[in-house]
Amino acid sequence: MPVIVPDRRYPEPVQLKSLHRHPLKSGRIEDLDAATVDPWGLAGDRRWMVVDAEGTFLTAREERRLLAIDARLTEAGIRLSVPGRPAIDVPDPDPAHQVPVRIWSSLITAAEATTAAAWLTETLGREVRLVHLDDPTRRAVNPARSEPEDRVSLADGYPLLVTTQTSLAALNRAIETGGGDPVPMSRFRPNLVIDGEAAWTEDDWRRIRVGDATFRAVKGCARCVITTLEPQDSGEVARGKEPIRTLARIRRFSGAVWFGVNLIPDVAGVTVRIGDEVEVLEAAEPGGGPLGA
């Protein structure tokens, strides 16, 4: 059982160092100064998604060129661009035009943006469609690790992901010791990046506060091949062996490798900002490894 640790603070003030969202699932990362926390994640995070002809979601696991697509929200919808091609402005689709889509085990509907299909198909070299989750209340979180009212947008499983600078530093030291090049935090596609008292202490978190927002830490994040992919300025996407190779050496638990922690918001409508203080409100006894491993 978790140990309640009221007013537990780090010896030095810990702050939210960076804040990120991903308007298009598996698209380029957008850096933010502030963001509103919705029940299903940061406002505007992963509400758009590319699907195949059958409506099954696509990510950079299957189509690495998605990582090269820059997506920016506009007042009317979303703008998509890649190096070497004209950008396209896609309006929010009519919510009445729903199509069935699959994301992992979730079978839901989303609004299809038909005006984007030709541009995306040419960009990716395969028949695809673009959908928008106009109503995120449609998708529930894994009931084994959530409350009945919890919801998630088009993220893989949980509303937000938090990572720490100290854990990345420890990982990169291990990578360099093995002769590899350090990796940027963007490889892990977090929403919140904060300092840490020591590497991997986030494994023990169960509830944290960031500014005025509070979150439940519900599961560690098992990592996949996407962390080995790095988009280039040319629009190409390079692939290497790190950080998976080193994580397999220092962070292997239950047959998977782990980095970061999935969060569910306790309260919606709160704005978080770079520089917000971070406090651990509840933690487990240390040394148990990633939650869910």
C-alpha atoms as a PDB file:
ATOM      1  CA  MET A   1       0.000   0.000   0.000  1.00  0.00           C
ATOM      2  CA  PRO A   2       1.186   3.563  -0.605  1.00  0.00           C
ATOM      3  CA  VAL A   3       2.726   5.483   2.277  1.00  0.00           C
ATOM      4  CA  ILE A   4       1.078   8.883   2.811  1.00  0.00           C
ATOM      5  CA  VAL A   5       3.733  11.583   2.964  1.00  0.00           C
ATOM      6  CA  PRO A   6       2.071  14.961   3.583  1.00  0.00           C
ATOM      7  CA  ASP A   7       4.151  17.993   2.615  1.00  0.00           C
ATOM      8  CA  ARG A   8       7.004  15.866   1.319  1.00  0.00           C
ATOM      9  CA  ARG A   9       9.300  18.224  -0.570  1.00  0.00           C
ATOM     10  CA  TYR A  10      12.662  17.856  -2.158  1.00  0.00           C
ATOM     11  CA  PRO A  11      15.703  19.379  -0.409  1.00  0.00           C
ATOM     12  CA  GLU A  12      15.915  21.946  -3.213  1.00  0.00           C
ATOM     13  CA  PRO A  13      12.867  23.571  -4.842  1.00  0.00           C
ATOM     14  CA  VAL A  14      11.692  21.429  -7.741  1.00  0.00           C
ATOM     15  CA  GLN A  15       9.922  23.003 -10.691  1.00  0.00           C
ATOM     16  CA  LEU A  16       8.166  22.081 -13.872  1.00  0.00           C
ATOM     17  CA  LYS A  17      10.986  22.496 -16.383  1.00  0.00           C
ATOM     18  CA  SER A  18       9.165  22.002 -19.670  1.00  0.00           C
ATOM     19  CA  LEU A  19       5.672  21.356 -20.981  1.00  0.00           C
ATOM     20  CA  HIS A  20       4.693  19.614 -24.211  1.00  0.00           C
ATOM     21  CA  ARG A  21       1.720  18.479 -26.217  1.00  0.00           C
ATOM     22  CA  HIS A  22       1.264  16.449 -29.391  1.00  0.00           C
ATOM     23  CA  PRO A  23      -1.686  17.786 -31.438  1.00  0.00           C
ATOM     24  CA  LEU A  24      -1.365  14.870 -33.881  1.00  0.00           C
ATOM     25  CA  LYS A  25      -0.724  11.450 -32.409  1.00  0.00           C
ATOM     26  CA  SER A  26       2.890  10.505 -33.327  1.00  0.00           C
ATOM     27  CA  GLY A  27       3.425  13.918 -34.943  1.00  0.00           C
ATOM     28  CA  ARG A  28       6.075  16.441 -33.956  1.00  0.00           C
ATOM     29  CA  ILE A  29       6.111  17.729 -30.393  1.00  0.00           C
ATOM     30  CA  GLU A  30       4.897  21.235 -29.553  1.00  0.00           C
ATOM     31  CA  ASP A  31       6.624  23.072 -26.689  1.00  0.00           C
ATOM     32  CA  LEU A  32       4.382  25.189 -24.449  1.00  0.00           C
ATOM     33  CA  ASP A  33       4.800  27.767 -21.702  1.00  0.00           C
ATOM     34  CA  ALA A  34       1.425  26.972 -20.117  1.00  0.00           C
ATOM     35  CA  ALA A  35      -1.452  24.566 -20.674  1.00  0.00           C
ATOM     36  CA  THR A  36      -4.869  23.804 -19.269  1.00  0.00           C
ATOM     37  CA  VAL A  37      -5.297  20.356 -17.749  1.00  0.00           C
ATOM     38  CA  ASP A  38      -8.418  18.683 -19.129  1.00  0.00           C
ATOM     39  CA  PRO A  39      -9.785  15.448 -17.622  1.00  0.00           C
ATOM     40  CA  TRP A  40      -8.333  13.512 -20.605  1.00  0.00           C
ATOM     41  CA  GLY A  41      -4.933  15.271 -20.769  1.00  0.00           C
ATOM     42  CA  LEU A  42      -3.445  18.645 -21.649  1.00  0.00           C
ATOM     43  CA  ALA A  43      -5.793  20.770 -23.736  1.00  0.00           C
ATOM     44  CA  GLY A  44      -5.249  19.959 -27.400  1.00  0.00           C
ATOM     45  CA  ASP A  45      -3.027  16.948 -26.769  1.00  0.00           C
ATOM     46  CA  ARG A  46      -3.544  13.960 -29.105  1.00  0.00           C
ATOM     47  CA  ARG A  47      -7.024  14.830 -30.296  1.00  0.00           C
ATOM     48  CA  TRP A  48      -6.095  14.131 -33.967  1.00  0.00           C
ATOM     49  CA  MET A  49      -4.973  10.763 -35.282  1.00  0.00           C
ATOM     50  CA  VAL A  50      -4.065   9.078 -38.552  1.00  0.00           C
ATOM     51  CA  VAL A  51      -5.855   5.795 -39.263  1.00  0.00           C
ATOM     52  CA  ASP A  52      -5.578   3.261 -42.055  1.00  0.00           C
ATOM     53  CA  ALA A  53      -8.316   2.429 -44.549  1.00  0.00           C
ATOM     54  CA  GLU A  54      -9.987   0.150 -41.984  1.00  0.00           C
ATOM     55  CA  GLY A  55      -9.938   2.754 -39.219  1.00  0.00           C
ATOM     56  CA  THR A  56      -7.096   1.258 -37.167  1.00  0.00           C
ATOM     57  CA  PHE A  57      -4.792   3.813 -35.590  1.00  0.00           C
ATOM     58  CA  LEU A  58      -1.305   4.363 -36.972  1.00  0.00           C
ATOM     59  CA  THR A  59       1.710   5.502 -34.981  1.00  0.00           C
ATOM     60  CA  ALA A  60       5.426   5.873 -35.670  1.00  0.00           C
ATOM     61  CA  ARG A  61       5.816   2.226 -34.658  1.00  0.00           C
ATOM     62  CA  GLU A  62       4.391   1.275 -38.044  1.00  0.00           C
ATOM     63  CA  GLU A  63       4.902   4.504 -39.989  1.00  0.00           C
ATOM     64  CA  ARG A  64       7.954   6.434 -38.812  1.00  0.00           C
ATOM     65  CA  ARG A  65       7.307   9.309 -41.257  1.00  0.00           C
ATOM     66  CA  LEU A  66       4.516  10.475 -38.955  1.00  0.00           C
ATOM     67  CA  LEU A  67       7.224  11.894 -36.685  1.00  0.00           C
ATOM     68  CA  ALA A  68       8.180  14.373 -39.416  1.00  0.00           C
ATOM     69  CA  ILE A  69       4.682  15.902 -39.621  1.00  0.00           C
ATOM     70  CA  ASP A  70       4.459  19.227 -37.826  1.00  0.00           C
ATOM     71  CA  ALA A  71       0.933  19.785 -36.505  1.00  0.00           C
ATOM     72  CA  ARG A  72      -0.247  23.093 -35.069  1.00  0.00           C
ATOM     73  CA  LEU A  73      -3.726  23.812 -33.790  1.00  0.00           C
ATOM     74  CA  THR A  74      -5.516  26.772 -35.357  1.00  0.00           C
ATOM     75  CA  GLU A  75      -8.745  28.565 -34.481  1.00  0.00           C
ATOM     76  CA  ALA A  76     -10.513  26.574 -37.184  1.00  0.00           C
ATOM     77  CA  GLY A  77      -8.770  23.190 -36.908  1.00  0.00           C
ATOM     78  CA  ILE A  78      -5.200  22.036 -37.488  1.00  0.00           C
ATOM     79  CA  ARG A  79      -2.340  22.893 -39.884  1.00  0.00           C
ATOM     80  CA  LEU A  80      -0.126  20.041 -41.108  1.00  0.00           C
ATOM     81  CA  SER A  81       3.267  20.511 -42.742  1.00  0.00           C
ATOM     82  CA  VAL A  82       6.405  18.560 -43.667  1.00  0.00           C
ATOM     83  CA  PRO A  83       9.677  19.742 -45.220  1.00  0.00           C
ATOM     84  CA  GLY A  84       9.461  20.082 -48.981  1.00  0.00           C
ATOM     85  CA  ARG A  85       5.653  20.145 -49.282  1.00  0.00           C
ATOM     86  CA  PRO A  86       3.038  22.912 -49.003  1.00  0.00           C
ATOM     87  CA  ALA A  87       1.231  22.939 -45.668  1.00  0.00           C
ATOM     88  CA  ILE A  88      -2.462  22.133 -45.474  1.00  0.00           C
ATOM     89  CA  ASP A  89      -5.067  23.756 -43.221  1.00  0.00           C
ATOM     90  CA  VAL A  90      -7.629  21.201 -42.095  1.00  0.00           C
ATOM     91  CA  PRO A  91     -10.878  22.498 -40.569  1.00  0.00           C
ATOM     92  CA  ASP A  92     -12.456  20.761 -37.626  1.00  0.00           C
ATOM     93  CA  PRO A  93     -14.662  18.096 -39.208  1.00  0.00           C
ATOM     94  CA  ASP A  94     -18.406  17.945 -38.787  1.00  0.00           C
ATOM     95  CA  PRO A  95     -19.063  16.006 -35.541  1.00  0.00           C
ATOM     96  CA  ALA A  96     -22.077  14.465 -37.271  1.00  0.00           C
ATOM     97  CA  HIS A  97     -19.705  12.614 -39.640  1.00  0.00           C
ATOM     98  CA  GLN A  98     -18.541   9.885 -37.259  1.00  0.00           C
ATOM     99  CA  VAL A  99     -16.526   6.842 -38.330  1.00  0.00           C
ATOM    100  CA  PRO A 100     -15.512   3.812 -36.270  1.00  0.00           C
ATOM    101  CA  VAL A 101     -11.864   3.748 -35.203  1.00  0.00           C
ATOM    102  CA  ARG A 102      -9.716   1.378 -33.182  1.00  0.00           C
ATOM    103  CA  ILE A 103      -6.937   2.442 -30.847  1.00  0.00           C
ATOM    104  CA  TRP A 104      -5.455  -0.539 -29.024  1.00  0.00           C
ATOM    105  CA  SER A 105      -8.456  -2.235 -27.396  1.00  0.00           C
ATOM    106  CA  SER A 106     -10.667   0.861 -27.577  1.00  0.00           C
ATOM    107  CA  LEU A 107     -13.403   0.808 -30.208  1.00  0.00           C
ATOM    108  CA  ILE A 108     -14.827   4.322 -30.471  1.00  0.00           C
ATOM    109  CA  THR A 109     -15.993   6.792 -33.097  1.00  0.00           C
ATOM    110  CA  ALA A 110     -14.299  10.006 -34.248  1.00  0.00           C
ATOM    111  CA  ALA A 111     -15.074  12.703 -36.793  1.00  0.00           C
ATOM    112  CA  GLU A 112     -13.351  12.170 -40.144  1.00  0.00           C
ATOM    113  CA  ALA A 113     -11.513  15.116 -41.724  1.00  0.00           C
ATOM    114  CA  THR A 114     -11.953  14.125 -45.352  1.00  0.00           C
ATOM    115  CA  THR A 115     -10.048  17.136 -46.713  1.00  0.00           C
ATOM    116  CA  ALA A 116      -6.772  15.804 -45.292  1.00  0.00           C
ATOM    117  CA  ALA A 117      -6.857  12.295 -46.763  1.00  0.00           C
ATOM    118  CA  ALA A 118      -5.139  13.031 -50.085  1.00  0.00           C
ATOM    119  CA  TRP A 119      -2.376  15.159 -48.497  1.00  0.00           C
ATOM    120  CA  LEU A 120      -1.606  12.541 -45.840  1.00  0.00           C
ATOM    121  CA  THR A 121      -1.796   9.649 -48.302  1.00  0.00           C
ATOM    122  CA  GLU A 122       0.757  11.331 -50.556  1.00  0.00           C
ATOM    123  CA  THR A 123       2.971  12.285 -47.613  1.00  0.00           C
ATOM    124  CA  LEU A 124       3.031   8.797 -46.110  1.00  0.00           C
ATOM    125  CA  GLY A 125       2.848   6.805 -49.337  1.00  0.00           C
ATOM    126  CA  ARG A 126      -0.105   4.706 -48.257  1.00  0.00           C
ATOM    127  CA  GLU A 127      -3.870   5.090 -48.018  1.00  0.00           C
ATOM    128  CA  VAL A 128      -4.712   6.788 -44.754  1.00  0.00           C
ATOM    129  CA  ARG A 129      -7.354   9.039 -43.213  1.00  0.00           C
ATOM    130  CA  LEU A 130      -7.363  11.733 -40.530  1.00  0.00           C
ATOM    131  CA  VAL A 131      -9.808  11.704 -37.627  1.00  0.00           C
ATOM    132  CA  HIS A 132     -10.551  14.098 -34.791  1.00  0.00           C
ATOM    133  CA  LEU A 133     -11.797  13.042 -31.370  1.00  0.00           C
ATOM    134  CA  ASP A 134     -14.420  15.744 -31.002  1.00  0.00           C
ATOM    135  CA  ASP A 135     -15.750  14.255 -27.750  1.00  0.00           C
ATOM    136  CA  PRO A 136     -13.025  12.761 -25.511  1.00  0.00           C
ATOM    137  CA  THR A 137     -15.606  11.497 -23.022  1.00  0.00           C
ATOM    138  CA  ARG A 138     -16.103   8.558 -25.397  1.00  0.00           C
ATOM    139  CA  ARG A 139     -12.899   6.818 -24.359  1.00  0.00           C
ATOM    140  CA  ALA A 140     -12.448   5.385 -20.862  1.00  0.00           C
ATOM    141  CA  VAL A 141      -9.120   4.632 -19.203  1.00  0.00           C
ATOM    142  CA  ASN A 142      -8.118   1.056 -18.363  1.00  0.00           C
ATOM    143  CA  PRO A 143     -10.521   0.265 -15.488  1.00  0.00           C
ATOM    144  CA  ALA A 144      -7.844  -1.724 -13.663  1.00  0.00           C
ATOM    145  CA  ARG A 145      -5.889   1.493 -13.019  1.00  0.00           C
ATOM    146  CA  SER A 146      -8.488   4.227 -12.979  1.00  0.00           C
ATOM    147  CA  GLU A 147     -11.782   5.456 -11.608  1.00  0.00           C
ATOM    148  CA  PRO A 148     -14.994   4.892 -13.595  1.00  0.00           C
ATOM    149  CA  GLU A 149     -15.236   8.550 -14.605  1.00  0.00           C
ATOM    150  CA  ASP A 150     -11.644   8.836 -15.907  1.00  0.00           C
ATOM    151  CA  ARG A 151     -11.229   9.527 -19.606  1.00  0.00           C
ATOM    152  CA  VAL A 152      -8.329   9.694 -22.077  1.00  0.00           C
ATOM    153  CA  SER A 153      -7.969  11.288 -25.508  1.00  0.00           C
ATOM    154  CA  LEU A 154      -6.005   9.448 -28.232  1.00  0.00           C
ATOM    155  CA  ALA A 155      -2.895   8.874 -26.122  1.00  0.00           C
ATOM    156  CA  ASP A 156      -1.852   5.242 -25.927  1.00  0.00           C
ATOM    157  CA  GLY A 157      -3.437   4.604 -22.553  1.00  0.00           C
ATOM    158  CA  TYR A 158      -3.388   7.451 -20.033  1.00  0.00           C
ATOM    159  CA  PRO A 159      -3.993  11.212 -20.086  1.00  0.00           C
ATOM    160  CA  LEU A 160      -0.453  12.465 -19.344  1.00  0.00           C
ATOM    161  CA  LEU A 161       3.149  11.313 -19.093  1.00  0.00           C
ATOM    162  CA  VAL A 162       5.692  12.795 -16.677  1.00  0.00           C
ATOM    163  CA  THR A 163       9.461  12.329 -16.875  1.00  0.00           C
ATOM    164  CA  THR A 164      12.365  13.704 -14.837  1.00  0.00           C
ATOM    165  CA  GLN A 165      15.598  15.410 -15.782  1.00  0.00           C
ATOM    166  CA  THR A 166      17.578  13.358 -13.256  1.00  0.00           C
ATOM    167  CA  SER A 167      16.460  10.044 -14.732  1.00  0.00           C
ATOM    168  CA  LEU A 168      17.362  11.202 -18.244  1.00  0.00           C
ATOM    169  CA  ALA A 169      20.789  12.279 -16.974  1.00  0.00           C
ATOM    170  CA  ALA A 170      21.319   8.858 -15.383  1.00  0.00           C
ATOM    171  CA  LEU A 171      20.222   7.106 -18.546  1.00  0.00           C
ATOM    172  CA  ASN A 172      22.501   9.206 -20.734  1.00  0.00           C
ATOM    173  CA  ARG A 173      25.478   8.530 -18.456  1.00  0.00           C
ATOM    174  CA  ALA A 174      24.817   4.820 -18.886  1.00  0.00           C
ATOM    175  CA  ILE A 175      24.446   5.233 -22.667  1.00  0.00           C
ATOM    176  CA  GLU A 176      27.750   7.125 -22.906  1.00  0.00           C
ATOM    177  CA  THR A 177      29.512   4.565 -20.723  1.00  0.00           C
ATOM    178  CA  GLY A 178      28.452   1.958 -23.277  1.00  0.00           C
ATOM    179  CA  GLY A 179      29.847   4.025 -26.133  1.00  0.00           C
ATOM    180  CA  GLY A 180      26.574   5.535 -27.364  1.00  0.00           C
ATOM    181  CA  ASP A 181      25.373   9.090 -27.877  1.00  0.00           C
ATOM    182  CA  PRO A 182      23.018  10.712 -25.368  1.00  0.00           C
ATOM    183  CA  VAL A 183      19.361  11.036 -26.328  1.00  0.00           C
ATOM    184  CA  PRO A 184      17.093  14.081 -25.898  1.00  0.00           C
ATOM    185  CA  MET A 185      14.040  14.028 -23.671  1.00  0.00           C
ATOM    186  CA  SER A 186      11.847  14.460 -26.753  1.00  0.00           C
ATOM    187  CA  ARG A 187      12.447  10.791 -27.609  1.00  0.00           C
ATOM    188  CA  PHE A 188      10.121   9.884 -24.729  1.00  0.00           C
ATOM    189  CA  ARG A 189       7.314  12.268 -25.787  1.00  0.00           C
ATOM    190  CA  PRO A 190       6.392  13.489 -22.283  1.00  0.00           C
ATOM    191  CA  ASN A 191       3.824  16.116 -21.369  1.00  0.00           C
ATOM    192  CA  LEU A 192       5.502  17.245 -18.134  1.00  0.00           C
ATOM    193  CA  VAL A 193       9.254  17.296 -17.477  1.00  0.00           C
ATOM    194  CA  ILE A 194      10.413  18.044 -13.938  1.00  0.00           C
ATOM    195  CA  ASP A 195      13.491  17.803 -11.762  1.00  0.00           C
ATOM    196  CA  GLY A 196      13.926  14.885  -9.408  1.00  0.00           C
ATOM    197  CA  GLU A 197      15.528  14.256  -6.061  1.00  0.00           C
ATOM    198  CA  ALA A 198      17.402  11.294  -7.516  1.00  0.00           C
ATOM    199  CA  ALA A 199      17.131   9.197 -10.640  1.00  0.00           C
ATOM    200  CA  TRP A 200      14.117   6.885 -10.824  1.00  0.00           C
ATOM    201  CA  THR A 201      12.381   8.209  -7.679  1.00  0.00           C
ATOM    202  CA  GLU A 202       9.328   8.759  -9.881  1.00  0.00           C
ATOM    203  CA  ASP A 203       8.808   4.988  -9.702  1.00  0.00           C
ATOM    204  CA  ASP A 204       7.541   5.527  -6.154  1.00  0.00           C
ATOM    205  CA  TRP A 205       5.156   8.415  -6.775  1.00  0.00           C
ATOM    206  CA  ARG A 206       1.459   7.858  -6.299  1.00  0.00           C
ATOM    207  CA  ARG A 207       0.149  11.448  -6.182  1.00  0.00           C
ATOM    208  CA  ILE A 208       1.932  14.671  -7.114  1.00  0.00           C
ATOM    209  CA  ARG A 209       1.119  18.351  -7.264  1.00  0.00           C
ATOM    210  CA  VAL A 210       2.305  20.618 -10.074  1.00  0.00           C
ATOM    211  CA  GLY A 211       1.356  24.206  -9.293  1.00  0.00           C
ATOM    212  CA  ASP A 212      -2.353  24.039  -8.466  1.00  0.00           C
ATOM    213  CA  ALA A 213      -2.943  20.772 -10.335  1.00  0.00           C
ATOM    214  CA  THR A 214      -2.821  17.343  -8.725  1.00  0.00           C
ATOM    215  CA  PHE A 215      -2.347  14.027 -10.479  1.00  0.00           C
ATOM    216  CA  ARG A 216      -2.503  10.331  -9.680  1.00  0.00           C
ATOM    217  CA  ALA A 217       0.518   8.316 -10.812  1.00  0.00           C
ATOM    218  CA  VAL A 218      -1.109   5.118 -12.016  1.00  0.00           C
ATOM    219  CA  LYS A 219       1.450   3.185 -14.055  1.00  0.00           C
ATOM    220  CA  GLY A 220       5.052   3.290 -15.190  1.00  0.00           C
ATOM    221  CA  CYS A 221       5.579   3.675 -18.930  1.00  0.00           C
ATOM    222  CA  ALA A 222       6.957   0.673 -20.829  1.00  0.00           C
ATOM    223  CA  ARG A 223       8.913   1.972 -23.815  1.00  0.00           C
ATOM    224  CA  CYS A 224       8.883   0.909 -27.461  1.00  0.00           C
ATOM    225  CA  VAL A 225      10.779   1.418 -30.716  1.00  0.00           C
ATOM    226  CA  ILE A 226       9.520   5.009 -31.081  1.00  0.00           C
ATOM    227  CA  THR A 227      12.187   6.097 -28.580  1.00  0.00           C
ATOM    228  CA  THR A 228      14.880   5.025 -31.074  1.00  0.00           C
ATOM    229  CA  LEU A 229      13.555   7.329 -33.829  1.00  0.00           C
ATOM    230  CA  GLU A 230      14.738  10.905 -34.379  1.00  0.00           C
ATOM    231  CA  PRO A 231      13.134  13.224 -36.973  1.00  0.00           C
ATOM    232  CA  GLN A 232      15.629  15.204 -39.062  1.00  0.00           C
ATOM    233  CA  ASP A 233      15.344  18.727 -40.474  1.00  0.00           C
ATOM    234  CA  SER A 234      15.159  17.163 -43.939  1.00  0.00           C
ATOM    235  CA  GLY A 235      11.950  15.357 -43.051  1.00  0.00           C
ATOM    236  CA  GLU A 236      13.653  11.971 -42.856  1.00  0.00           C
ATOM    237  CA  VAL A 237      13.495   9.960 -39.635  1.00  0.00           C
ATOM    238  CA  ALA A 238      16.689   8.297 -38.408  1.00  0.00           C
ATOM    239  CA  ARG A 239      16.703   5.139 -36.327  1.00  0.00           C
ATOM    240  CA  GLY A 240      19.314   3.901 -33.864  1.00  0.00           C
ATOM    241  CA  LYS A 241      19.632   1.413 -31.005  1.00  0.00           C
ATOM    242  CA  GLU A 242      19.449   3.828 -28.094  1.00  0.00           C
ATOM    243  CA  PRO A 243      17.888   4.282 -25.634  1.00  0.00           C
ATOM    244  CA  ILE A 244      16.273   0.826 -25.797  1.00  0.00           C
ATOM    245  CA  ARG A 245      19.616  -0.985 -25.693  1.00  0.00           C
ATOM    246  CA  THR A 246      20.701   0.717 -22.474  1.00  0.00           C
ATOM    247  CA  LEU A 247      17.240   0.648 -20.884  1.00  0.00           C
ATOM    248  CA  ALA A 248      17.271  -3.111 -21.423  1.00  0.00           C
ATOM    249  CA  ARG A 249      20.445  -3.228 -19.349  1.00  0.00           C
ATOM    250  CA  ILE A 250      19.484  -0.910 -16.489  1.00  0.00           C
ATOM    251  CA  ARG A 251      15.661  -0.662 -16.517  1.00  0.00           C
ATOM    252  CA  ARG A 252      14.308  -4.070 -17.513  1.00  0.00           C
ATOM    253  CA  PHE A 253      11.402  -5.284 -15.407  1.00  0.00           C
ATOM    254  CA  SER A 254       8.852  -7.976 -16.257  1.00  0.00           C
ATOM    255  CA  GLY A 255      10.207  -8.341 -19.770  1.00  0.00           C
ATOM    256  CA  ALA A 256       9.819  -4.628 -20.682  1.00  0.00           C
ATOM    257  CA  VAL A 257      11.931  -1.473 -20.390  1.00  0.00           C
ATOM    258  CA  TRP A 258      10.623   1.560 -18.527  1.00  0.00           C
ATOM    259  CA  PHE A 259      10.985   5.337 -18.504  1.00  0.00           C
ATOM    260  CA  GLY A 260       8.462   7.859 -17.145  1.00  0.00           C
ATOM    261  CA  VAL A 261       5.148   7.592 -15.320  1.00  0.00           C
ATOM    262  CA  ASN A 262       1.563   7.854 -16.576  1.00  0.00           C
ATOM    263  CA  LEU A 263      -0.710  10.332 -14.810  1.00  0.00           C
ATOM    264  CA  ILE A 264      -4.440  10.924 -14.439  1.00  0.00           C
ATOM    265  CA  PRO A 265      -5.627  14.411 -13.387  1.00  0.00           C
ATOM    266  CA  ASP A 266      -7.526  14.727 -10.125  1.00  0.00           C
ATOM    267  CA  VAL A 267      -9.109  18.060 -11.038  1.00  0.00           C
ATOM    268  CA  ALA A 268      -9.831  19.526 -14.469  1.00  0.00           C
ATOM    269  CA  GLY A 269      -9.606  23.128 -15.620  1.00  0.00           C
ATOM    270  CA  VAL A 270      -6.358  24.013 -13.840  1.00  0.00           C
ATOM    271  CA  THR A 271      -3.540  25.694 -15.762  1.00  0.00           C
ATOM    272  CA  VAL A 272       0.051  24.498 -15.296  1.00  0.00           C
ATOM    273  CA  ARG A 273       3.043  26.635 -16.243  1.00  0.00           C
ATOM    274  CA  ILE A 274       6.775  26.251 -16.630  1.00  0.00           C
ATOM    275  CA  GLY A 275       8.279  27.149 -13.264  1.00  0.00           C
ATOM    276  CA  ASP A 276       5.409  25.699 -11.209  1.00  0.00           C
ATOM    277  CA  GLU A 277       6.496  24.041  -7.984  1.00  0.00           C
ATOM    278  CA  VAL A 278       6.306  20.251  -7.826  1.00  0.00           C
ATOM    279  CA  GLU A 279       5.453  18.373  -4.657  1.00  0.00           C
ATOM    280  CA  VAL A 280       5.095  14.652  -3.966  1.00  0.00           C
ATOM    281  CA  LEU A 281       1.867  14.192  -2.018  1.00  0.00           C
ATOM    282  CA  GLU A 282       1.869  10.410  -1.769  1.00  0.00           C
ATOM    283  CA  ALA A 283       4.552   7.817  -2.446  1.00  0.00           C
ATOM    284  CA  ALA A 284       5.219   4.127  -1.984  1.00  0.00           C
ATOM    285  CA  GLU A 285       8.190   2.672  -0.173  1.00  0.00           C
ATOM    286  CA  PRO A 286      11.217   3.092  -2.453  1.00  0.00           C
ATOM    287  CA  GLY A 287      12.820   0.266  -4.362  1.00  0.00           C
ATOM    288  CA  GLY A 288       9.740  -1.437  -5.748  1.00  0.00           C
ATOM    289  CA  GLY A 289      10.473  -0.654  -9.392  1.00  0.00           C
ATOM    290  CA  PRO A 290       8.047   0.880 -11.870  1.00  0.00           C
ATOM    291  CA  LEU A 291       4.393   0.778 -10.933  1.00  0.00           C
ATOM    292  CA  GLY A 292       2.714  -1.967 -12.920  1.00  0.00           C
ATOM    293  CA  ALA A 293       5.919  -3.787 -13.806  1.00  0.00           C
END
